[in-house]
């Protein structure tokens, strides 16, 4: 089964992350089959100062 990597801005609560991984795991099982135990999800919290879009750091966006 898949390994899913999610990069997102820091600041989510543990409860939000728990709900996210449960929902994604269920979606993978429903769509691809297999067991939930075989779905790996890696969450990476990234500071806004370490992420840029369109040549601008998110920490500098207004």
Protein backbone atom coordinates (compact mmCIF):
# COMPACT_ATOMS: atom_id res chain seq x y z
CA UNK A 1 0.00 0.00 0.00
CA UNK A 2 1.05 3.60 -0.31
CA UNK A 3 3.12 5.96 1.73
CA UNK A 4 1.55 9.40 1.66
CA UNK A 5 3.58 12.50 2.47
CA UNK A 6 1.84 15.70 3.52
CA UNK A 7 3.79 18.95 3.80
CA UNK A 8 1.84 21.70 5.52
CA UNK A 9 2.32 24.86 7.49
CA UNK A 10 2.90 24.29 11.18
CA UNK A 11 0.18 25.14 13.65
CA UNK A 12 -2.28 22.26 13.41
CA UNK A 13 -3.29 20.67 16.67
CA UNK A 14 -2.63 17.00 17.41
CA UNK A 15 -6.41 16.45 17.21
CA UNK A 16 -6.55 17.98 13.71
CA UNK A 17 -3.66 15.78 12.59
CA UNK A 18 -5.31 12.71 14.09
CA UNK A 19 -8.54 13.46 12.22
CA UNK A 20 -6.64 14.12 8.98
CA UNK A 21 -4.73 10.84 9.02
CA UNK A 22 -7.85 8.87 9.90
CA UNK A 23 -9.79 10.43 7.00
CA UNK A 24 -6.98 9.95 4.48
CA UNK A 25 -6.38 6.38 5.59
CA UNK A 26 -10.07 5.57 5.19
CA UNK A 27 -10.17 7.22 1.76
CA UNK A 28 -7.20 5.12 0.61
CA UNK A 29 -8.74 1.89 1.91
CA UNK A 30 -12.11 2.74 0.31
CA UNK A 31 -10.51 3.64 -3.01
CA UNK A 32 -7.63 1.17 -3.34
CA UNK A 33 -8.66 -1.63 -1.02
CA UNK A 34 -6.31 -3.27 1.43
CA UNK A 35 -5.99 -2.75 5.15
CA UNK A 36 -5.64 0.48 7.07
CA UNK A 37 -2.57 -0.95 8.81
CA UNK A 38 -0.68 -0.88 5.52
CA UNK A 39 -1.22 2.84 4.83
CA UNK A 40 1.68 5.04 5.96
CA UNK A 41 1.29 8.80 6.28
CA UNK A 42 4.18 11.17 6.97
CA UNK A 43 3.25 14.64 8.20
CA UNK A 44 5.83 17.41 7.92
CA UNK A 45 5.22 20.75 9.62
CA UNK A 46 6.95 23.57 7.79
CA UNK A 47 7.50 27.10 9.02
CA UNK A 48 6.10 29.81 6.75
CA UNK A 49 9.63 31.23 6.48
CA UNK A 50 10.71 27.96 4.81
CA UNK A 51 8.00 27.88 2.12
CA UNK A 52 7.69 30.14 -0.90
CA UNK A 53 5.21 30.45 -3.73
CA UNK A 54 5.68 32.69 -6.72
CA UNK A 55 9.05 33.88 -5.46
CA UNK A 56 7.67 35.13 -2.14
CA UNK A 57 8.05 33.58 1.29
CA UNK A 58 4.75 32.84 2.98
CA UNK A 59 6.06 34.54 6.11
CA UNK A 60 6.18 37.81 4.12
CA UNK A 61 2.74 37.56 2.51
CA UNK A 62 0.20 40.04 3.77
